Amino acid sequence: MNERITLAEGAGGSAGEALMKDVIFPYIGNDILAEMHDGARLKVSGDIAFTTDSYVVSPRFFPGGSIGTLAVSGTVNDLAMTGAKARFLSAAVILEEGFPVEELKNILADMQKAAKYAGVLFVTGDTKVAPKGKVDGVFINTAGIGDIIEGADISPKNVKLGMKIIVSGSMGDHGATILAARHNMKSNLKSDAAPLNKMVEKMFAVTKNIAVLRDPTRGGLAATLNEIAKAANVGIIIDEEKIPIKEEVKGLSDMLGFDPLTLANEGKLVAFVPQEEADAALAAIKADERGRDAAVIGETTDKAVGKVGMRTPLGSIRVVEMPRGIIVPRIC
């Protein structure tokens, strides 16, 4: 195997076979993938969820993860937000000619680690090699299939007045980490990129009445809450002092002119639950290692329907608008 990817690895011959067997299979291989068929034959029953996403993050490696971490976590989390337990993933990797094989192995190792944590299998995939200059190193697409958890019915239509809004941890960590890495700034921040399916399963073990789950990725908490307010036809009021945000995220945001509420997260969720079940849901989230900083930050209301307001420490209400324009490109 060469030290760098060549066009031969994407031509379907012996070089491509060597790439699969010597580089890819040692990390994400299993009995289903080893059949090397054009698709995977899978046993599923009942309602399933299906999703797909593509990953073009820059830089490819950052404190707390890599494009490989995101490629698994993002798709697993999209399934979890529909109330599904992820089971199977596909992976399509587009490589630039000349891409270092050792770097590819590191990305695959992160994919392996995240998949193991989530308990999912890669069952089919594809590799393409584009001429030098036509791809920025590596792009990855993953698709996922999962079983809907019994009793789960996740939809904005289920949001009612007086529901509590929970976030599973500090906001803006991933976006701030990427910004710091791009600007070569000294920082102790780490991306929160991680699968959330185990956390969601813990939540459903204590309540089946979760109205909406959402992972606040591009556009951050601000975009997520605005989308739900409009779709559910309710007003949303949140409390600024209750929103967990790391001081370093606040400082970096002030320095670069960003609102932390618009910065992406890749390992956090937002949940809308009935008031009487909020404590149980919050406890379930906090029982997960990635949910220790979870907090109830607000509720739904019949005032200012379709809009999001934030109560400031001074007692005034600030409108939280939907982010506009390009916030942070190539964040995931």
C-alpha atoms as a PDB file:
ATOM      1  CA  MET A   1       0.000   0.000   0.000  1.00  0.00           C
ATOM      2  CA  ASN A   2       1.329   3.431  -0.969  1.00  0.00           C
ATOM      3  CA  GLU A   3       1.846   6.147   1.653  1.00  0.00           C
ATOM      4  CA  ARG A   4      -0.460   8.443  -0.292  1.00  0.00           C
ATOM      5  CA  ILE A   5      -3.740   7.871  -2.118  1.00  0.00           C
ATOM      6  CA  THR A   6      -3.434   7.645  -5.892  1.00  0.00           C
ATOM      7  CA  LEU A   7      -6.089   7.627  -8.607  1.00  0.00           C
ATOM      8  CA  ALA A   8      -5.560   3.869  -8.827  1.00  0.00           C
ATOM      9  CA  GLU A   9      -7.226   3.391  -5.432  1.00  0.00           C
ATOM     10  CA  GLY A  10     -10.432   4.748  -6.944  1.00  0.00           C
ATOM     11  CA  ALA A  11     -10.287   2.780 -10.177  1.00  0.00           C
ATOM     12  CA  GLY A  12     -11.860  -0.435  -8.880  1.00  0.00           C
ATOM     13  CA  GLY A  13      -8.831  -2.686  -9.401  1.00  0.00           C
ATOM     14  CA  SER A  14      -6.270  -4.332  -7.160  1.00  0.00           C
ATOM     15  CA  ALA A  15      -5.178  -0.994  -5.640  1.00  0.00           C
ATOM     16  CA  GLY A  16      -8.738  -0.283  -4.541  1.00  0.00           C
ATOM     17  CA  GLU A  17      -9.047  -3.788  -3.131  1.00  0.00           C
ATOM     18  CA  ALA A  18      -5.841  -3.261  -1.151  1.00  0.00           C
ATOM     19  CA  LEU A  19      -7.177   0.034   0.223  1.00  0.00           C
ATOM     20  CA  MET A  20     -10.275  -1.752   1.495  1.00  0.00           C
ATOM     21  CA  LYS A  21      -8.516  -4.776   2.978  1.00  0.00           C
ATOM     22  CA  ASP A  22      -5.361  -3.127   4.312  1.00  0.00           C
ATOM     23  CA  VAL A  23      -6.653   0.277   5.435  1.00  0.00           C
ATOM     24  CA  ILE A  24     -10.444   0.422   5.826  1.00  0.00           C
ATOM     25  CA  PHE A  25     -11.458  -3.061   7.027  1.00  0.00           C
ATOM     26  CA  PRO A  26      -9.039  -3.137   9.998  1.00  0.00           C
ATOM     27  CA  TYR A  27     -10.977  -0.206  11.474  1.00  0.00           C
ATOM     28  CA  ILE A  28     -14.639  -0.504  10.486  1.00  0.00           C
ATOM     29  CA  GLY A  29     -14.852  -4.016   9.050  1.00  0.00           C
ATOM     30  CA  ASN A  30     -17.282  -6.711  10.214  1.00  0.00           C
ATOM     31  CA  ASP A  31     -18.886  -9.883   8.821  1.00  0.00           C
ATOM     32  CA  ILE A  32     -21.572  -7.979   6.905  1.00  0.00           C
ATOM     33  CA  LEU A  33     -19.130  -5.529   5.319  1.00  0.00           C
ATOM     34  CA  ALA A  34     -16.690  -8.340   4.540  1.00  0.00           C
ATOM     35  CA  GLU A  35     -19.115  -9.789   1.985  1.00  0.00           C
ATOM     36  CA  MET A  36     -18.044  -6.931  -0.324  1.00  0.00           C
ATOM     37  CA  HIS A  37     -21.473  -6.876  -1.960  1.00  0.00           C
ATOM     38  CA  ASP A  38     -23.060  -3.850  -3.652  1.00  0.00           C
ATOM     39  CA  GLY A  39     -25.413  -3.508  -0.705  1.00  0.00           C
ATOM     40  CA  ALA A  40     -26.191  -5.026   2.662  1.00  0.00           C
ATOM     41  CA  ARG A  41     -29.046  -7.406   3.445  1.00  0.00           C
ATOM     42  CA  LEU A  42     -30.349  -6.432   6.876  1.00  0.00           C
ATOM     43  CA  LYS A  43     -32.963  -7.784   9.257  1.00  0.00           C
ATOM     44  CA  VAL A  44     -35.284  -5.039  10.462  1.00  0.00           C
ATOM     45  CA  SER A  45     -38.748  -5.110  11.995  1.00  0.00           C
ATOM     46  CA  GLY A  46     -41.343  -2.477  12.843  1.00  0.00           C
ATOM     47  CA  ASP A  47     -40.908   1.245  12.273  1.00  0.00           C
ATOM     48  CA  ILE A  48     -37.443   2.437  11.330  1.00  0.00           C
ATOM     49  CA  ALA A  49     -35.745   5.803  10.898  1.00  0.00           C
ATOM     50  CA  PHE A  50     -33.393   6.608   8.024  1.00  0.00           C
ATOM     51  CA  THR A  51     -31.070   9.579   7.620  1.00  0.00           C
ATOM     52  CA  THR A  52     -27.992  10.757   5.728  1.00  0.00           C
ATOM     53  CA  ASP A  53     -25.475  13.565   6.145  1.00  0.00           C
ATOM     54  CA  SER A  54     -22.204  14.745   4.611  1.00  0.00           C
ATOM     55  CA  TYR A  55     -19.115  16.060   6.391  1.00  0.00           C
ATOM     56  CA  VAL A  56     -16.636  18.612   5.030  1.00  0.00           C
ATOM     57  CA  VAL A  57     -15.287  20.138   8.266  1.00  0.00           C
ATOM     58  CA  SER A  58     -12.119  22.236   8.201  1.00  0.00           C
ATOM     59  CA  PRO A  59      -9.719  21.565   9.851  1.00  0.00           C
ATOM     60  CA  ARG A  60     -10.134  17.794   9.582  1.00  0.00           C
ATOM     61  CA  PHE A  61      -8.644  17.246  13.052  1.00  0.00           C
ATOM     62  CA  PHE A  62      -9.477  19.433  16.022  1.00  0.00           C
ATOM     63  CA  PRO A  63      -9.344  19.150  19.830  1.00  0.00           C
ATOM     64  CA  GLY A  64     -11.888  16.509  20.805  1.00  0.00           C
ATOM     65  CA  GLY A  65     -12.252  14.745  17.473  1.00  0.00           C
ATOM     66  CA  SER A  66     -12.028  14.768  13.708  1.00  0.00           C
ATOM     67  CA  ILE A  67     -14.126  14.503  10.574  1.00  0.00           C
ATOM     68  CA  GLY A  68     -14.321  10.796  11.420  1.00  0.00           C
ATOM     69  CA  THR A  69     -15.839  11.496  14.839  1.00  0.00           C
ATOM     70  CA  LEU A  70     -18.407  13.776  13.216  1.00  0.00           C
ATOM     71  CA  ALA A  71     -19.223  11.316  10.429  1.00  0.00           C
ATOM     72  CA  VAL A  72     -20.448   8.774  12.978  1.00  0.00           C
ATOM     73  CA  SER A  73     -21.777  11.036  15.729  1.00  0.00           C
ATOM     74  CA  GLY A  74     -23.745  13.322  13.432  1.00  0.00           C
ATOM     75  CA  THR A  75     -25.670  10.536  11.745  1.00  0.00           C
ATOM     76  CA  VAL A  76     -26.215   8.536  14.944  1.00  0.00           C
ATOM     77  CA  ASN A  77     -27.521  11.707  16.592  1.00  0.00           C
ATOM     78  CA  ASP A  78     -29.868  12.505  13.714  1.00  0.00           C
ATOM     79  CA  LEU A  79     -31.410   9.078  14.244  1.00  0.00           C
ATOM     80  CA  ALA A  80     -31.566   9.565  18.009  1.00  0.00           C
ATOM     81  CA  MET A  81     -33.401  12.879  17.572  1.00  0.00           C
ATOM     82  CA  THR A  82     -36.195  11.002  15.747  1.00  0.00           C
ATOM     83  CA  GLY A  83     -36.512   8.655  18.726  1.00  0.00           C
ATOM     84  CA  ALA A  84     -34.589   5.847  17.042  1.00  0.00           C
ATOM     85  CA  LYS A  85     -31.870   3.515  18.233  1.00  0.00           C
ATOM     86  CA  ALA A  86     -29.149   3.499  15.573  1.00  0.00           C
ATOM     87  CA  ARG A  87     -28.161   0.081  14.224  1.00  0.00           C
ATOM     88  CA  PHE A  88     -26.483   0.332  10.817  1.00  0.00           C
ATOM     89  CA  LEU A  89     -24.376   2.908   8.973  1.00  0.00           C
ATOM     90  CA  SER A  90     -23.027   3.307   5.473  1.00  0.00           C
ATOM     91  CA  ALA A  91     -19.938   5.355   4.667  1.00  0.00           C
ATOM     92  CA  ALA A  92     -18.931   6.967   1.383  1.00  0.00           C
ATOM     93  CA  VAL A  93     -15.445   8.482   1.428  1.00  0.00           C
ATOM     94  CA  ILE A  94     -14.246  10.862  -1.300  1.00  0.00           C
ATOM     95  CA  LEU A  95     -10.479  11.269  -1.202  1.00  0.00           C
ATOM     96  CA  GLU A  96      -8.172  13.700  -2.953  1.00  0.00           C
ATOM     97  CA  GLU A  97      -5.303  12.236  -4.934  1.00  0.00           C
ATOM     98  CA  GLY A  98      -2.201  12.472  -2.758  1.00  0.00           C
ATOM     99  CA  PHE A  99      -4.066  12.247   0.549  1.00  0.00           C
ATOM    100  CA  PRO A 100      -1.810  10.670   3.214  1.00  0.00           C
ATOM    101  CA  VAL A 101      -2.826   7.105   4.034  1.00  0.00           C
ATOM    102  CA  GLU A 102      -1.696   7.545   7.652  1.00  0.00           C
ATOM    103  CA  GLU A 103      -4.090  10.462   8.040  1.00  0.00           C
ATOM    104  CA  LEU A 104      -6.884   8.331   6.594  1.00  0.00           C
ATOM    105  CA  LYS A 105      -6.100   5.650   9.164  1.00  0.00           C
ATOM    106  CA  ASN A 106      -6.394   8.209  11.962  1.00  0.00           C
ATOM    107  CA  ILE A 107      -9.782   9.311  10.653  1.00  0.00           C
ATOM    108  CA  LEU A 108     -10.933   5.691  10.422  1.00  0.00           C
ATOM    109  CA  ALA A 109      -9.740   5.072  13.973  1.00  0.00           C
ATOM    110  CA  ASP A 110     -11.969   7.928  15.175  1.00  0.00           C
ATOM    111  CA  MET A 111     -14.876   6.466  13.210  1.00  0.00           C
ATOM    112  CA  GLN A 112     -14.216   3.083  14.811  1.00  0.00           C
ATOM    113  CA  LYS A 113     -14.121   4.602  18.299  1.00  0.00           C
ATOM    114  CA  ALA A 114     -17.379   6.511  17.861  1.00  0.00           C
ATOM    115  CA  ALA A 115     -19.151   3.550  16.254  1.00  0.00           C
ATOM    116  CA  LYS A 116     -18.088   1.277  19.100  1.00  0.00           C
ATOM    117  CA  TYR A 117     -19.367   3.752  21.676  1.00  0.00           C
ATOM    118  CA  ALA A 118     -22.686   4.058  19.835  1.00  0.00           C
ATOM    119  CA  GLY A 119     -22.989   0.309  19.244  1.00  0.00           C
ATOM    120  CA  VAL A 120     -23.491   0.587  15.473  1.00  0.00           C
ATOM    121  CA  LEU A 121     -22.094  -1.338  12.511  1.00  0.00           C
ATOM    122  CA  PHE A 122     -20.881  -0.118   9.142  1.00  0.00           C
ATOM    123  CA  VAL A 123     -22.563  -2.451   6.655  1.00  0.00           C
ATOM    124  CA  THR A 124     -21.900  -0.897   3.245  1.00  0.00           C
ATOM    125  CA  GLY A 125     -19.924   1.913   1.698  1.00  0.00           C
ATOM    126  CA  ASP A 126     -18.022   3.380  -1.198  1.00  0.00           C
ATOM    127  CA  THR A 127     -14.648   5.003  -1.881  1.00  0.00           C
ATOM    128  CA  LYS A 128     -13.873   7.470  -4.653  1.00  0.00           C
ATOM    129  CA  VAL A 129     -10.625   9.268  -5.507  1.00  0.00           C
ATOM    130  CA  ALA A 130     -10.757  12.665  -7.222  1.00  0.00           C
ATOM    131  CA  PRO A 131      -7.805  14.298  -9.009  1.00  0.00           C
ATOM    132  CA  LYS A 132      -5.614  16.591  -6.934  1.00  0.00           C
ATOM    133  CA  GLY A 133      -7.234  19.957  -6.350  1.00  0.00           C
ATOM    134  CA  LYS A 134     -10.799  18.733  -6.943  1.00  0.00           C
ATOM    135  CA  VAL A 135     -11.459  17.779  -3.310  1.00  0.00           C
ATOM    136  CA  ASP A 136     -10.117  19.406  -0.170  1.00  0.00           C
ATOM    137  CA  GLY A 137      -8.460  16.303   1.273  1.00  0.00           C
ATOM    138  CA  VAL A 138     -11.422  14.151   2.260  1.00  0.00           C
ATOM    139  CA  PHE A 139     -15.203  14.409   2.344  1.00  0.00           C
ATOM    140  CA  ILE A 140     -17.357  11.767   4.032  1.00  0.00           C
ATOM    141  CA  ASN A 141     -21.037  10.885   3.695  1.00  0.00           C
ATOM    142  CA  THR A 142     -22.717   8.557   6.155  1.00  0.00           C
ATOM    143  CA  ALA A 143     -26.270   7.244   6.148  1.00  0.00           C
ATOM    144  CA  GLY A 144     -27.937   5.448   9.018  1.00  0.00           C
ATOM    145  CA  ILE A 145     -30.854   3.166   9.851  1.00  0.00           C
ATOM    146  CA  GLY A 146     -32.338   2.756  13.314  1.00  0.00           C
ATOM    147  CA  ASP A 147     -35.298   1.166  15.105  1.00  0.00           C
ATOM    148  CA  ILE A 148     -37.864   3.595  16.507  1.00  0.00           C
ATOM    149  CA  ILE A 149     -37.906   3.223  20.298  1.00  0.00           C
ATOM    150  CA  GLU A 150     -41.243   1.863  21.493  1.00  0.00           C
ATOM    151  CA  GLY A 151     -43.573   4.706  22.444  1.00  0.00           C
ATOM    152  CA  ALA A 152     -41.468   7.419  20.776  1.00  0.00           C
ATOM    153  CA  ASP A 153     -43.408  10.060  18.839  1.00  0.00           C
ATOM    154  CA  ILE A 154     -41.088  12.958  18.125  1.00  0.00           C
ATOM    155  CA  SER A 155     -42.624  15.892  16.273  1.00  0.00           C
ATOM    156  CA  PRO A 156     -43.118  19.643  16.759  1.00  0.00           C
ATOM    157  CA  LYS A 157     -46.860  18.962  16.531  1.00  0.00           C
ATOM    158  CA  ASN A 158     -46.595  17.404  19.989  1.00  0.00           C
ATOM    159  CA  VAL A 159     -45.291  20.581  21.611  1.00  0.00           C
ATOM    160  CA  LYS A 160     -47.813  22.074  24.059  1.00  0.00           C
ATOM    161  CA  LEU A 161     -47.951  25.248  26.111  1.00  0.00           C
ATOM    162  CA  GLY A 162     -46.053  25.137  29.396  1.00  0.00           C
ATOM    163  CA  MET A 163     -43.559  22.494  28.307  1.00  0.00           C
ATOM    164  CA  LYS A 164     -40.075  22.728  29.755  1.00  0.00           C
ATOM    165  CA  ILE A 165     -37.003  23.079  27.544  1.00  0.00           C
ATOM    166  CA  ILE A 166     -33.865  21.166  28.520  1.00  0.00           C
ATOM    167  CA  VAL A 167     -30.354  21.371  27.076  1.00  0.00           C
ATOM    168  CA  SER A 168     -27.974  18.507  27.795  1.00  0.00           C
ATOM    169  CA  GLY A 169     -24.901  20.657  28.390  1.00  0.00           C
ATOM    170  CA  SER A 170     -22.859  23.721  27.534  1.00  0.00           C
ATOM    171  CA  MET A 171     -23.683  25.462  24.276  1.00  0.00           C
ATOM    172  CA  GLY A 172     -21.316  26.396  21.444  1.00  0.00           C
ATOM    173  CA  ASP A 173     -18.402  24.103  22.321  1.00  0.00           C
ATOM    174  CA  HIS A 174     -17.892  22.623  18.841  1.00  0.00           C
ATOM    175  CA  GLY A 175     -18.218  25.894  16.953  1.00  0.00           C
ATOM    176  CA  ALA A 176     -15.876  27.710  19.331  1.00  0.00           C
ATOM    177  CA  THR A 177     -13.309  24.889  19.122  1.00  0.00           C
ATOM    178  CA  ILE A 178     -13.306  24.998  15.318  1.00  0.00           C
ATOM    179  CA  LEU A 179     -12.959  28.788  15.333  1.00  0.00           C
ATOM    180  CA  ALA A 180     -10.017  28.626  17.742  1.00  0.00           C
ATOM    181  CA  ALA A 181      -8.323  25.943  15.637  1.00  0.00           C
ATOM    182  CA  ARG A 182      -8.757  27.924  12.400  1.00  0.00           C
ATOM    183  CA  HIS A 183      -7.310  31.074  13.923  1.00  0.00           C
ATOM    184  CA  ASN A 184      -4.448  29.186  15.658  1.00  0.00           C
ATOM    185  CA  MET A 185      -5.614  30.531  19.007  1.00  0.00           C
ATOM    186  CA  LYS A 186      -4.451  28.978  22.256  1.00  0.00           C
ATOM    187  CA  SER A 187      -7.455  27.347  23.849  1.00  0.00           C
ATOM    188  CA  ASN A 188      -8.456  24.638  26.301  1.00  0.00           C
ATOM    189  CA  LEU A 189     -11.719  24.060  24.457  1.00  0.00           C
ATOM    190  CA  LYS A 190     -12.633  20.673  23.023  1.00  0.00           C
ATOM    191  CA  SER A 191     -15.375  19.761  20.598  1.00  0.00           C
ATOM    192  CA  ASP A 192     -18.351  18.032  22.160  1.00  0.00           C
ATOM    193  CA  ALA A 193     -18.729  15.727  19.130  1.00  0.00           C
ATOM    194  CA  ALA A 194     -20.093  12.417  20.390  1.00  0.00           C
ATOM    195  CA  PRO A 195     -22.995   9.990  19.866  1.00  0.00           C
ATOM    196  CA  LEU A 196     -26.073  10.769  21.973  1.00  0.00           C
ATOM    197  CA  ASN A 197     -28.095   7.594  21.420  1.00  0.00           C
ATOM    198  CA  LYS A 198     -27.378   6.163  24.871  1.00  0.00           C
ATOM    199  CA  MET A 199     -28.497   9.397  26.514  1.00  0.00           C
ATOM    200  CA  VAL A 200     -31.729   9.375  24.537  1.00  0.00           C
ATOM    201  CA  GLU A 201     -32.413   5.758  25.488  1.00  0.00           C
ATOM    202  CA  LYS A 202     -32.018   6.720  29.160  1.00  0.00           C
ATOM    203  CA  MET A 203     -34.541   9.494  28.667  1.00  0.00           C
ATOM    204  CA  PHE A 204     -37.124   7.209  27.090  1.00  0.00           C
ATOM    205  CA  ALA A 205     -36.654   4.770  29.947  1.00  0.00           C
ATOM    206  CA  VAL A 206     -38.184   7.347  32.327  1.00  0.00           C
ATOM    207  CA  THR A 207     -40.671   9.120  30.043  1.00  0.00           C
ATOM    208  CA  LYS A 208     -42.339   8.391  26.706  1.00  0.00           C
ATOM    209  CA  ASN A 209     -43.772  11.913  26.527  1.00  0.00           C
ATOM    210  CA  ILE A 210     -40.832  13.685  24.913  1.00  0.00           C
ATOM    211  CA  ALA A 211     -42.393  16.022  22.363  1.00  0.00           C
ATOM    212  CA  VAL A 212     -39.287  17.079  20.449  1.00  0.00           C
ATOM    213  CA  LEU A 213     -35.594  16.251  20.450  1.00  0.00           C
ATOM    214  CA  ARG A 214     -33.119  18.236  18.387  1.00  0.00           C
ATOM    215  CA  ASP A 215     -29.333  18.447  18.205  1.00  0.00           C
ATOM    216  CA  PRO A 216     -28.442  22.136  17.854  1.00  0.00           C
ATOM    217  CA  THR A 217     -25.748  21.870  15.190  1.00  0.00           C
ATOM    218  CA  ARG A 218     -25.404  24.543  12.478  1.00  0.00           C
ATOM    219  CA  GLY A 219     -27.005  27.752  13.738  1.00  0.00           C
ATOM    220  CA  GLY A 220     -26.747  26.523  17.327  1.00  0.00           C
ATOM    221  CA  LEU A 221     -29.422  26.875  19.979  1.00  0.00           C
ATOM    222  CA  ALA A 222     -30.799  30.043  18.387  1.00  0.00           C
ATOM    223  CA  ALA A 223     -31.642  28.342  15.097  1.00  0.00           C
ATOM    224  CA  THR A 224     -33.031  25.237  16.786  1.00  0.00           C
ATOM    225  CA  LEU A 225     -35.426  27.099  19.074  1.00  0.00           C
ATOM    226  CA  ASN A 226     -36.630  29.399  16.288  1.00  0.00           C
ATOM    227  CA  GLU A 227     -37.328  26.431  14.024  1.00  0.00           C
ATOM    228  CA  ILE A 228     -39.351  24.666  16.716  1.00  0.00           C
ATOM    229  CA  ALA A 229     -41.257  27.813  17.749  1.00  0.00           C
ATOM    230  CA  LYS A 230     -42.432  28.318  14.175  1.00  0.00           C
ATOM    231  CA  ALA A 231     -43.191  24.645  13.478  1.00  0.00           C
ATOM    232  CA  ALA A 232     -45.054  24.149  16.761  1.00  0.00           C
ATOM    233  CA  ASN A 233     -46.808  27.547  16.619  1.00  0.00           C
ATOM    234  CA  VAL A 234     -45.813  28.478  20.173  1.00  0.00           C
ATOM    235  CA  GLY A 235     -43.743  31.158  21.817  1.00  0.00           C
ATOM    236  CA  ILE A 236     -40.537  30.238  23.611  1.00  0.00           C
ATOM    237  CA  ILE A 237     -39.003  32.041  26.563  1.00  0.00           C
ATOM    238  CA  ILE A 238     -35.562  31.084  27.888  1.00  0.00           C
ATOM    239  CA  ASP A 239     -33.533  32.378  30.821  1.00  0.00           C
ATOM    240  CA  GLU A 240     -30.050  33.668  29.932  1.00  0.00           C
ATOM    241  CA  GLU A 241     -28.637  32.862  33.370  1.00  0.00           C
ATOM    242  CA  LYS A 242     -29.724  29.229  33.129  1.00  0.00           C
ATOM    243  CA  ILE A 243     -28.103  28.479  29.760  1.00  0.00           C
ATOM    244  CA  PRO A 244     -24.800  26.631  30.348  1.00  0.00           C
ATOM    245  CA  ILE A 245     -22.018  28.292  28.340  1.00  0.00           C
ATOM    246  CA  LYS A 246     -18.332  27.942  29.137  1.00  0.00           C
ATOM    247  CA  GLU A 247     -16.533  31.199  29.976  1.00  0.00           C
ATOM    248  CA  GLU A 248     -13.934  30.472  27.294  1.00  0.00           C
ATOM    249  CA  VAL A 249     -16.701  30.114  24.696  1.00  0.00           C
ATOM    250  CA  LYS A 250     -18.114  33.465  25.797  1.00  0.00           C
ATOM    251  CA  GLY A 251     -14.692  35.100  25.655  1.00  0.00           C
ATOM    252  CA  LEU A 252     -13.825  33.746  22.220  1.00  0.00           C
ATOM    253  CA  SER A 253     -17.274  34.714  20.901  1.00  0.00           C
ATOM    254  CA  ASP A 254     -16.848  38.284  22.154  1.00  0.00           C
ATOM    255  CA  MET A 255     -13.369  38.473  20.605  1.00  0.00           C
ATOM    256  CA  LEU A 256     -14.505  37.257  17.177  1.00  0.00           C
ATOM    257  CA  GLY A 257     -17.934  38.888  17.163  1.00  0.00           C
ATOM    258  CA  PHE A 258     -20.148  35.802  17.484  1.00  0.00           C
ATOM    259  CA  ASP A 259     -23.194  35.040  19.606  1.00  0.00           C
ATOM    260  CA  PRO A 260     -22.558  31.771  21.515  1.00  0.00           C
ATOM    261  CA  LEU A 261     -26.198  30.817  20.959  1.00  0.00           C
ATOM    262  CA  THR A 262     -25.552  30.607  17.204  1.00  0.00           C
ATOM    263  CA  LEU A 263     -22.443  28.402  17.476  1.00  0.00           C
ATOM    264  CA  ALA A 264     -22.715  24.725  16.582  1.00  0.00           C
ATOM    265  CA  ASN A 265     -22.805  21.793  18.974  1.00  0.00           C
ATOM    266  CA  GLU A 266     -22.116  18.214  17.886  1.00  0.00           C
ATOM    267  CA  GLY A 267     -22.794  16.334  21.104  1.00  0.00           C
ATOM    268  CA  LYS A 268     -25.694  18.141  22.766  1.00  0.00           C
ATOM    269  CA  LEU A 269     -29.461  17.897  22.542  1.00  0.00           C
ATOM    270  CA  VAL A 270     -32.486  20.074  23.205  1.00  0.00           C
ATOM    271  CA  ALA A 271     -35.597  18.390  24.609  1.00  0.00           C
ATOM    272  CA  PHE A 272     -39.183  19.633  25.033  1.00  0.00           C
ATOM    273  CA  VAL A 273     -40.957  17.691  27.780  1.00  0.00           C
ATOM    274  CA  PRO A 274     -44.108  18.129  29.888  1.00  0.00           C
ATOM    275  CA  GLN A 275     -43.543  20.220  33.018  1.00  0.00           C
ATOM    276  CA  GLU A 276     -44.431  17.334  35.336  1.00  0.00           C
ATOM    277  CA  GLU A 277     -41.821  15.064  33.721  1.00  0.00           C
ATOM    278  CA  ALA A 278     -38.999  17.587  33.370  1.00  0.00           C
ATOM    279  CA  ASP A 279     -37.236  16.552  36.578  1.00  0.00           C
ATOM    280  CA  ALA A 280     -37.189  12.874  35.562  1.00  0.00           C
ATOM    281  CA  ALA A 281     -35.945  13.684  32.063  1.00  0.00           C
ATOM    282  CA  LEU A 282     -33.250  16.000  33.440  1.00  0.00           C
ATOM    283  CA  ALA A 283     -32.083  13.331  35.897  1.00  0.00           C
ATOM    284  CA  ALA A 284     -31.858  10.778  33.086  1.00  0.00           C
ATOM    285  CA  ILE A 285     -29.707  13.141  31.030  1.00  0.00           C
ATOM    286  CA  LYS A 286     -27.456  13.934  33.991  1.00  0.00           C
ATOM    287  CA  ALA A 287     -26.988  10.180  34.565  1.00  0.00           C
ATOM    288  CA  ASP A 288     -25.167  10.053  31.218  1.00  0.00           C
ATOM    289  CA  GLU A 289     -21.485  10.997  31.232  1.00  0.00           C
ATOM    290  CA  ARG A 290     -22.106  13.598  28.525  1.00  0.00           C
ATOM    291  CA  GLY A 291     -25.069  15.217  30.255  1.00  0.00           C
ATOM    292  CA  ARG A 292     -23.687  16.298  33.599  1.00  0.00           C
ATOM    293  CA  ASP A 293     -24.120  20.004  32.846  1.00  0.00           C
ATOM    294  CA  ALA A 294     -27.718  19.639  31.637  1.00  0.00           C
ATOM    295  CA  ALA A 295     -30.213  22.303  32.661  1.00  0.00           C
ATOM    296  CA  VAL A 296     -33.826  23.405  32.243  1.00  0.00           C
ATOM    297  CA  ILE A 297     -33.497  26.730  30.409  1.00  0.00           C
ATOM    298  CA  GLY A 298     -37.052  27.793  29.598  1.00  0.00           C
ATOM    299  CA  GLU A 299     -40.569  26.896  28.546  1.00  0.00           C
ATOM    300  CA  THR A 300     -43.181  27.296  25.852  1.00  0.00           C
ATOM    301  CA  THR A 301     -45.742  30.074  26.078  1.00  0.00           C
ATOM    302  CA  ASP A 302     -48.745  31.541  24.261  1.00  0.00           C
ATOM    303  CA  LYS A 303     -47.019  34.928  24.015  1.00  0.00           C
ATOM    304  CA  ALA A 304     -45.126  36.058  20.864  1.00  0.00           C
ATOM    305  CA  VAL A 305     -46.098  32.887  18.986  1.00  0.00           C
ATOM    306  CA  GLY A 306     -43.394  31.716  16.574  1.00  0.00           C
ATOM    307  CA  LYS A 307     -40.687  33.753  18.280  1.00  0.00           C
ATOM    308  CA  VAL A 308     -37.990  33.144  20.892  1.00  0.00           C
ATOM    309  CA  GLY A 309     -37.370  35.532  23.760  1.00  0.00           C
ATOM    310  CA  MET A 310     -34.557  35.464  26.308  1.00  0.00           C
ATOM    311  CA  ARG A 311     -34.918  36.897  29.809  1.00  0.00           C
ATOM    312  CA  THR A 312     -31.720  38.798  30.669  1.00  0.00           C
ATOM    313  CA  PRO A 313     -30.198  39.162  34.151  1.00  0.00           C
ATOM    314  CA  LEU A 314     -31.726  42.669  34.248  1.00  0.00           C
ATOM    315  CA  GLY A 315     -35.212  41.224  33.775  1.00  0.00           C
ATOM    316  CA  SER A 316     -35.746  42.520  30.249  1.00  0.00           C
ATOM    317  CA  ILE A 317     -36.620  40.297  27.290  1.00  0.00           C
ATOM    318  CA  ARG A 318     -34.298  40.121  24.279  1.00  0.00           C
ATOM    319  CA  VAL A 319     -35.528  38.603  21.032  1.00  0.00           C
ATOM    320  CA  VAL A 320     -33.360  35.673  19.921  1.00  0.00           C
ATOM    321  CA  GLU A 321     -33.473  35.811  16.139  1.00  0.00           C
ATOM    322  CA  MET A 322     -32.840  33.117  13.586  1.00  0.00           C
ATOM    323  CA  PRO A 323     -29.167  33.402  12.512  1.00  0.00           C
ATOM    324  CA  ARG A 324     -28.657  35.009   9.111  1.00  0.00           C
ATOM    325  CA  GLY A 325     -26.000  34.552   6.472  1.00  0.00           C
ATOM    326  CA  ILE A 326     -22.881  32.413   6.782  1.00  0.00           C
ATOM    327  CA  ILE A 327     -22.086  31.971  10.475  1.00  0.00           C
ATOM    328  CA  VAL A 328     -19.152  29.550  10.455  1.00  0.00           C
ATOM    329  CA  PRO A 329     -18.732  27.641   7.163  1.00  0.00           C
ATOM    330  CA  ARG A 330     -17.531  24.027   7.040  1.00  0.00           C
ATOM    331  CA  ILE A 331     -18.317  23.443  10.693  1.00  0.00           C
ATOM    332  CA  CYS A 332     -19.217  19.790  10.222  1.00  0.00           C
END
